[in-house]
Amino acid sequence: MIEVTRLHNQKLVINADLIEFVEATPDTMISTTTGKKILVKESVAEVIEQTIEYRRRCLAVGRSKIK
């Protein structure tokens, strides 16, 4: 899950696994596999970085359970 901010400053946590694509229109729009579109304040690069960090955390948990 990643935390983003809607344009009217409302925090929102979304499932990063459901992100289909992110585009700058010029605001950042996150489109999900469920068809929802979410306009957020974060840049495309910030959404990408948060998604990468989320996936790193998921992999780290999986690796720690294997050992």
Protein backbone atom coordinates (compact mmCIF):
# COMPACT_ATOMS: atom_id res chain seq x y z
CA MET A 1 0.00 0.00 0.00
CA ILE A 2 1.19 3.52 -0.74
CA GLU A 3 -0.04 6.82 0.66
CA VAL A 4 -0.88 9.63 -1.76
CA THR A 5 -2.58 13.00 -1.43
CA ARG A 6 -5.65 13.98 -3.42
CA LEU A 7 -5.72 17.50 -4.88
CA HIS A 8 -7.87 18.78 -1.97
CA ASN A 9 -5.26 17.54 0.58
CA GLN A 10 -7.07 14.36 1.59
CA LYS A 11 -4.64 11.50 2.29
CA LEU A 12 -5.46 8.23 0.59
CA VAL A 13 -3.85 4.80 0.81
CA ILE A 14 -4.03 2.74 -2.35
CA ASN A 15 -3.04 -0.80 -3.21
CA ALA A 16 0.11 -0.44 -5.33
CA ASP A 17 -0.56 -3.85 -6.88
CA LEU A 18 -3.64 -2.41 -8.59
CA ILE A 19 -1.85 0.45 -10.35
CA GLU A 20 -2.09 -0.04 -14.09
CA PHE A 21 -0.40 3.19 -15.15
CA VAL A 22 0.50 6.68 -13.91
CA GLU A 23 0.50 9.76 -16.10
CA ALA A 24 1.08 13.51 -15.81
CA THR A 25 -1.92 15.34 -17.32
CA PRO A 26 -0.44 17.88 -15.94
CA ASP A 27 -1.65 16.67 -12.53
CA THR A 28 -0.62 13.12 -11.72
CA MET A 29 -3.35 10.61 -12.53
CA ILE A 30 -3.18 7.06 -11.24
CA SER A 31 -5.27 4.56 -13.18
CA THR A 32 -6.03 1.24 -11.54
CA THR A 33 -6.81 -2.17 -12.95
CA THR A 34 -10.33 -1.74 -11.53
CA GLY A 35 -10.91 1.27 -13.81
CA LYS A 36 -10.67 3.95 -11.14
CA LYS A 37 -8.72 7.13 -11.83
CA ILE A 38 -7.23 9.11 -8.96
CA LEU A 39 -5.73 12.61 -9.28
CA VAL A 40 -2.94 13.15 -6.76
CA LYS A 41 -0.47 15.86 -5.76
CA GLU A 42 2.58 13.60 -5.88
CA SER A 43 4.65 13.57 -9.06
CA VAL A 44 4.84 10.53 -11.32
CA ALA A 45 8.39 9.95 -10.04
CA GLU A 46 7.21 10.03 -6.40
CA VAL A 47 4.45 7.48 -7.10
CA ILE A 48 6.97 5.24 -8.86
CA GLU A 49 9.43 5.52 -5.96
CA GLN A 50 6.74 4.73 -3.37
CA THR A 51 5.64 1.71 -5.44
CA ILE A 52 9.22 0.43 -5.71
CA GLU A 53 9.72 0.84 -1.95
CA TYR A 54 6.43 -0.99 -1.28
CA ARG A 55 7.57 -3.91 -3.44
CA ARG A 56 10.97 -3.97 -1.69
CA ARG A 57 9.23 -4.25 1.67
CA CYS A 58 7.04 -7.09 0.37
CA LEU A 59 10.06 -8.98 -0.94
CA ALA A 60 12.01 -8.41 2.29
CA VAL A 61 9.16 -9.93 4.32
CA GLY A 62 9.03 -12.92 1.97
CA ARG A 63 12.79 -13.46 2.18
CA SER A 64 12.81 -13.29 5.99
CA LYS A 65 10.17 -16.04 6.18
CA ILE A 66 12.21 -18.35 3.91
CA LYS A 67 15.36 -18.25 6.09
